[in-house]
Every structure is written in C-alpha cells, then in structure tokens.
C-alpha cells in the first residue's frame, strides 16, 4: 500500500479475493496493515471473470463495467506495530525452505 500511495494514488479500499479472503484472520490482518476498508466479495470465479472482461475490452474497444457483489466490508483497524513488523520483514528475501 505504501508503494501505491507513493505514486499519488489514494486507495479507498482493499478488495480481498481468493480462498483466503474468507478467512477472518486474513481479513483482520488486512484491515490492520492496509489502513483502508477491506471489502470481501461474494465468492466467485474472479480470475475467469477478469480474463473475460479483458477479452471483451479488446474486442469492443470499451472497458466493460461488470458489478462485483460485496459480501462484507470491514472497517480498518490500523495497528502501527503490525505494519512495522511487515516493513521489517520486507528485507528478508525468500522464506522458502530447501
């Protein structure tokens, strides 16, 4: 989020998708780290939807506006200590095990 903001972009929300998006712990941490509302859409095939949207855009020349149904929006709960831990971890490199 810091990199996005450094480009002059004002973030109004984080949209969580994927299997982990429904995990309350992931939702909580996202609200603590990103300091913007966290929106959780109704589960769906968002990768396929995105590919179809891009194809439609190329074919029509216009970006299609397909609505996203939001299941929940969580209020941010900024935690500077949590953000500081993530910032400190940025320089650790790969954590993959051999």
N, C-alpha and C. Protein backbone atom coordinates (compact mmCIF):
# COMPACT_ATOMS: atom_id res chain seq x y z
N UNK A 1 0.83 -1.19 0.00
CA UNK A 1 0.00 0.00 0.00
C UNK A 1 0.87 1.25 0.00
N UNK A 2 1.99 1.19 0.70
CA UNK A 2 2.88 2.35 0.72
C UNK A 2 3.39 2.67 -0.68
N UNK A 3 3.72 1.64 -1.47
CA UNK A 3 4.21 1.85 -2.84
C UNK A 3 3.12 2.49 -3.69
N UNK A 4 1.89 2.04 -3.54
CA UNK A 4 0.77 2.61 -4.30
C UNK A 4 0.57 4.07 -3.92
N UNK A 5 0.57 4.33 -2.64
CA UNK A 5 0.38 5.71 -2.17
C UNK A 5 1.52 6.62 -2.60
N UNK A 6 2.74 6.09 -2.67
CA UNK A 6 3.89 6.91 -3.07
C UNK A 6 3.77 7.38 -4.52
N UNK A 7 2.91 6.74 -5.31
CA UNK A 7 2.67 7.14 -6.69
C UNK A 7 1.54 8.17 -6.80
N UNK A 8 1.02 8.61 -5.65
CA UNK A 8 -0.03 9.60 -5.64
C UNK A 8 -1.43 9.03 -5.75
N UNK A 9 -1.55 7.70 -5.63
CA UNK A 9 -2.85 7.05 -5.71
C UNK A 9 -3.49 7.02 -4.32
N UNK A 10 -4.73 7.42 -4.25
CA UNK A 10 -5.46 7.35 -3.00
C UNK A 10 -6.29 6.07 -2.99
N UNK A 11 -5.93 5.17 -2.12
CA UNK A 11 -6.67 3.90 -2.01
C UNK A 11 -7.92 4.14 -1.19
N UNK A 12 -9.04 3.63 -1.69
CA UNK A 12 -10.29 3.78 -0.96
C UNK A 12 -10.75 2.47 -0.32
N UNK A 13 -10.17 1.34 -0.82
CA UNK A 13 -10.48 0.05 -0.22
C UNK A 13 -9.50 -0.99 -0.74
N UNK A 14 -9.45 -2.10 -0.04
CA UNK A 14 -8.72 -3.28 -0.50
C UNK A 14 -9.78 -4.33 -0.77
N UNK A 15 -9.70 -4.96 -1.93
CA UNK A 15 -10.64 -6.00 -2.32
C UNK A 15 -9.94 -7.34 -2.18
N UNK A 16 -10.38 -8.15 -1.21
CA UNK A 16 -9.77 -9.46 -0.99
C UNK A 16 -10.48 -10.50 -1.83
N UNK A 17 -9.71 -11.26 -2.62
CA UNK A 17 -10.29 -12.35 -3.40
C UNK A 17 -9.47 -13.61 -3.16
N UNK A 18 -10.03 -14.73 -3.54
CA UNK A 18 -9.33 -16.00 -3.37
C UNK A 18 -9.82 -16.71 -2.12
N UNK A 19 -9.36 -17.92 -1.95
CA UNK A 19 -9.80 -18.75 -0.84
C UNK A 19 -9.52 -18.15 0.53
N UNK A 20 -8.38 -17.50 0.68
CA UNK A 20 -8.02 -16.93 1.98
C UNK A 20 -8.85 -15.70 2.33
N UNK A 21 -9.52 -15.11 1.35
CA UNK A 21 -10.31 -13.90 1.61
C UNK A 21 -11.44 -14.15 2.60
N UNK A 22 -11.91 -15.38 2.69
CA UNK A 22 -13.00 -15.70 3.62
C UNK A 22 -12.51 -15.99 5.03
N UNK A 23 -11.20 -16.04 5.20
CA UNK A 23 -10.61 -16.33 6.50
C UNK A 23 -10.65 -15.07 7.37
N UNK A 24 -11.33 -15.11 8.50
CA UNK A 24 -11.42 -13.93 9.36
C UNK A 24 -10.06 -13.39 9.79
N UNK A 25 -9.07 -14.26 9.97
CA UNK A 25 -7.73 -13.79 10.37
C UNK A 25 -7.10 -12.97 9.25
N UNK A 26 -7.25 -13.40 8.01
CA UNK A 26 -6.71 -12.66 6.87
C UNK A 26 -7.41 -11.31 6.76
N UNK A 27 -8.70 -11.30 6.93
CA UNK A 27 -9.47 -10.06 6.86
C UNK A 27 -9.01 -9.08 7.94
N UNK A 28 -8.81 -9.60 9.14
CA UNK A 28 -8.38 -8.75 10.26
C UNK A 28 -7.01 -8.16 10.01
N UNK A 29 -6.07 -8.99 9.60
CA UNK A 29 -4.71 -8.50 9.34
C UNK A 29 -4.71 -7.49 8.20
N UNK A 30 -5.49 -7.73 7.16
CA UNK A 30 -5.56 -6.77 6.05
C UNK A 30 -6.04 -5.41 6.55
N UNK A 31 -7.04 -5.41 7.41
CA UNK A 31 -7.52 -4.15 7.98
C UNK A 31 -6.49 -3.46 8.86
N UNK A 32 -5.65 -4.23 9.50
CA UNK A 32 -4.61 -3.67 10.37
C UNK A 32 -3.44 -3.12 9.57
N UNK A 33 -3.10 -3.77 8.48
CA UNK A 33 -1.91 -3.41 7.71
C UNK A 33 -2.20 -2.32 6.67
N UNK A 34 -3.32 -2.43 5.95
CA UNK A 34 -3.56 -1.52 4.84
C UNK A 34 -4.21 -0.21 5.24
N UNK A 35 -4.88 -0.15 6.38
CA UNK A 35 -5.49 1.08 6.88
C UNK A 35 -6.51 1.69 5.92
N UNK A 36 -7.26 0.84 5.22
CA UNK A 36 -8.40 1.25 4.40
C UNK A 36 -9.47 0.17 4.59
N UNK A 37 -10.72 0.46 4.28
CA UNK A 37 -11.74 -0.58 4.40
C UNK A 37 -11.38 -1.81 3.58
N UNK A 38 -11.71 -2.97 4.11
CA UNK A 38 -11.44 -4.24 3.45
C UNK A 38 -12.77 -4.80 2.96
N UNK A 39 -12.90 -4.94 1.64
CA UNK A 39 -14.12 -5.47 1.05
C UNK A 39 -13.90 -6.92 0.66
N UNK A 40 -14.85 -7.76 1.03
CA UNK A 40 -14.79 -9.18 0.71
C UNK A 40 -15.95 -9.47 -0.24
N UNK A 41 -15.65 -9.74 -1.52
CA UNK A 41 -16.73 -10.01 -2.46
C UNK A 41 -17.34 -11.39 -2.24
N UNK A 42 -18.55 -11.55 -2.75
CA UNK A 42 -19.18 -12.86 -2.74
C UNK A 42 -18.26 -13.80 -3.51
N UNK A 43 -18.01 -15.01 -3.02
CA UNK A 43 -17.11 -15.93 -3.73
C UNK A 43 -17.53 -16.10 -5.19
N UNK A 44 -16.54 -16.12 -6.06
CA UNK A 44 -16.83 -16.25 -7.49
C UNK A 44 -15.57 -16.61 -8.26
N UNK A 45 -15.70 -16.70 -9.53
CA UNK A 45 -14.60 -17.04 -10.42
C UNK A 45 -13.97 -15.76 -10.96
N UNK A 46 -13.26 -15.03 -10.11
CA UNK A 46 -12.76 -13.72 -10.47
C UNK A 46 -11.61 -13.75 -11.47
N UNK A 47 -10.82 -14.80 -11.49
CA UNK A 47 -9.76 -14.90 -12.49
C UNK A 47 -10.39 -15.06 -13.87
N UNK A 48 -11.36 -15.96 -13.98
CA UNK A 48 -12.06 -16.16 -15.25
C UNK A 48 -12.83 -14.90 -15.64
N UNK A 49 -13.48 -14.26 -14.69
CA UNK A 49 -14.21 -13.02 -14.97
C UNK A 49 -13.26 -11.95 -15.50
N UNK A 50 -12.09 -11.84 -14.89
CA UNK A 50 -11.12 -10.85 -15.32
C UNK A 50 -10.62 -11.11 -16.73
N UNK A 51 -10.37 -12.37 -17.05
CA UNK A 51 -9.94 -12.74 -18.40
C UNK A 51 -11.03 -12.42 -19.41
N UNK A 52 -12.28 -12.73 -19.06
CA UNK A 52 -13.40 -12.45 -19.97
C UNK A 52 -13.57 -10.94 -20.14
N UNK A 53 -13.39 -10.19 -19.08
CA UNK A 53 -13.51 -8.73 -19.15
C UNK A 53 -12.45 -8.14 -20.07
N UNK A 54 -11.20 -8.65 -19.94
CA UNK A 54 -10.13 -8.17 -20.80
C UNK A 54 -10.40 -8.51 -22.26
N UNK A 55 -10.90 -9.72 -22.52
CA UNK A 55 -11.21 -10.13 -23.90
C UNK A 55 -12.32 -9.25 -24.47
N UNK A 56 -13.34 -8.98 -23.67
CA UNK A 56 -14.44 -8.12 -24.14
C UNK A 56 -13.94 -6.71 -24.42
N UNK A 57 -13.02 -6.24 -23.60
CA UNK A 57 -12.45 -4.90 -23.78
C UNK A 57 -11.70 -4.82 -25.10
N UNK A 58 -10.88 -5.84 -25.38
CA UNK A 58 -10.12 -5.88 -26.62
C UNK A 58 -11.05 -5.92 -27.83
N UNK A 59 -12.08 -6.76 -27.75
CA UNK A 59 -12.99 -6.93 -28.89
C UNK A 59 -13.86 -5.70 -29.13
N UNK A 60 -14.31 -5.08 -28.07
CA UNK A 60 -15.25 -3.95 -28.22
C UNK A 60 -14.56 -2.59 -28.24
N UNK A 61 -13.35 -2.54 -27.68
CA UNK A 61 -12.67 -1.25 -27.56
C UNK A 61 -13.12 -0.44 -26.36
N UNK A 62 -14.05 -0.97 -25.60
CA UNK A 62 -14.55 -0.28 -24.40
C UNK A 62 -14.45 -1.21 -23.20
N UNK A 63 -14.02 -0.65 -22.08
CA UNK A 63 -13.91 -1.44 -20.86
C UNK A 63 -15.30 -1.73 -20.31
N UNK A 64 -15.65 -3.01 -20.21
CA UNK A 64 -16.98 -3.34 -19.67
C UNK A 64 -17.05 -3.09 -18.17
N UNK A 65 -18.17 -2.64 -17.72
CA UNK A 65 -18.41 -2.42 -16.29
C UNK A 65 -19.28 -3.56 -15.77
N UNK A 66 -18.64 -4.52 -15.14
CA UNK A 66 -19.37 -5.64 -14.57
C UNK A 66 -19.36 -5.47 -13.06
N UNK A 67 -20.53 -5.45 -12.44
CA UNK A 67 -20.58 -5.22 -11.00
C UNK A 67 -19.99 -6.37 -10.20
N UNK A 68 -19.44 -6.02 -9.05
CA UNK A 68 -18.93 -7.01 -8.09
C UNK A 68 -19.84 -6.95 -6.88
N UNK A 69 -20.37 -8.08 -6.49
CA UNK A 69 -21.24 -8.14 -5.32
C UNK A 69 -20.37 -8.28 -4.07
N UNK A 70 -20.48 -7.33 -3.17
CA UNK A 70 -19.67 -7.33 -1.95
C UNK A 70 -20.44 -8.01 -0.83
N UNK A 71 -19.81 -9.01 -0.25
CA UNK A 71 -20.42 -9.77 0.85
C UNK A 71 -20.27 -9.04 2.18
N UNK A 72 -19.10 -8.42 2.38
CA UNK A 72 -18.85 -7.72 3.64
C UNK A 72 -17.81 -6.63 3.41
N UNK A 73 -17.91 -5.56 4.16
CA UNK A 73 -16.89 -4.52 4.18
C UNK A 73 -16.52 -4.29 5.62
N UNK A 74 -15.25 -4.45 5.92
CA UNK A 74 -14.76 -4.33 7.28
C UNK A 74 -14.07 -2.99 7.47
N UNK A 75 -14.33 -2.36 8.58
CA UNK A 75 -13.71 -1.08 8.91
C UNK A 75 -12.24 -1.30 9.25
N UNK A 76 -11.36 -0.43 8.74
CA UNK A 76 -9.94 -0.61 9.06
C UNK A 76 -9.68 -0.46 10.55
N UNK A 77 -8.71 -1.19 11.03
CA UNK A 77 -8.30 -1.16 12.43
C UNK A 77 -6.77 -1.04 12.43
N UNK A 78 -6.25 0.14 12.07
CA UNK A 78 -4.80 0.27 11.89
C UNK A 78 -4.02 -0.08 13.15
N UNK A 79 -2.98 -0.86 12.96
CA UNK A 79 -2.09 -1.26 14.04
C UNK A 79 -0.65 -0.97 13.61
N UNK A 80 -0.10 0.16 14.03
CA UNK A 80 1.25 0.52 13.62
C UNK A 80 2.29 -0.56 13.92
N UNK A 81 2.14 -1.28 15.00
CA UNK A 81 3.12 -2.33 15.34
C UNK A 81 3.07 -3.47 14.32
N UNK A 82 1.87 -3.81 13.85
CA UNK A 82 1.75 -4.87 12.85
C UNK A 82 2.37 -4.41 11.54
N UNK A 83 2.07 -3.18 11.13
CA UNK A 83 2.67 -2.63 9.90
C UNK A 83 4.18 -2.59 10.01
N UNK A 84 4.69 -2.22 11.16
CA UNK A 84 6.15 -2.15 11.35
C UNK A 84 6.79 -3.52 11.18
N UNK A 85 6.12 -4.57 11.66
CA UNK A 85 6.66 -5.93 11.50
C UNK A 85 6.72 -6.33 10.03
N UNK A 86 5.68 -5.98 9.27
CA UNK A 86 5.69 -6.30 7.84
C UNK A 86 6.78 -5.51 7.13
N UNK A 87 6.95 -4.25 7.48
CA UNK A 87 8.01 -3.45 6.86
C UNK A 87 9.38 -4.03 7.17
N UNK A 88 9.59 -4.46 8.40
CA UNK A 88 10.87 -5.06 8.79
C UNK A 88 11.13 -6.34 8.01
N UNK A 89 10.07 -7.09 7.73
CA UNK A 89 10.23 -8.37 7.02
C UNK A 89 10.49 -8.19 5.53
N UNK A 90 10.27 -7.02 5.00
CA UNK A 90 10.44 -6.82 3.56
C UNK A 90 11.86 -7.12 3.09
N UNK A 91 12.83 -6.93 3.92
CA UNK A 91 14.21 -7.15 3.51
C UNK A 91 14.72 -8.57 3.74
N UNK A 92 13.86 -9.49 4.14
CA UNK A 92 14.30 -10.83 4.46
C UNK A 92 14.52 -11.73 3.25
N UNK A 93 13.97 -11.35 2.09
CA UNK A 93 14.11 -12.20 0.90
C UNK A 93 13.20 -13.40 0.98
N UNK A 94 13.58 -14.45 0.29
CA UNK A 94 12.75 -15.64 0.20
C UNK A 94 12.77 -16.42 1.51
N UNK A 95 11.60 -16.86 1.92
CA UNK A 95 11.49 -17.68 3.12
C UNK A 95 11.25 -19.14 2.76
N UNK A 96 11.46 -19.47 1.47
CA UNK A 96 11.23 -20.85 1.03
C UNK A 96 12.21 -21.81 1.70
N UNK A 97 11.69 -22.98 2.04
CA UNK A 97 12.53 -24.00 2.67
C UNK A 97 13.22 -24.84 1.60
N UNK A 98 14.42 -25.32 1.90
CA UNK A 98 15.13 -26.15 0.90
C UNK A 98 14.43 -27.45 0.63
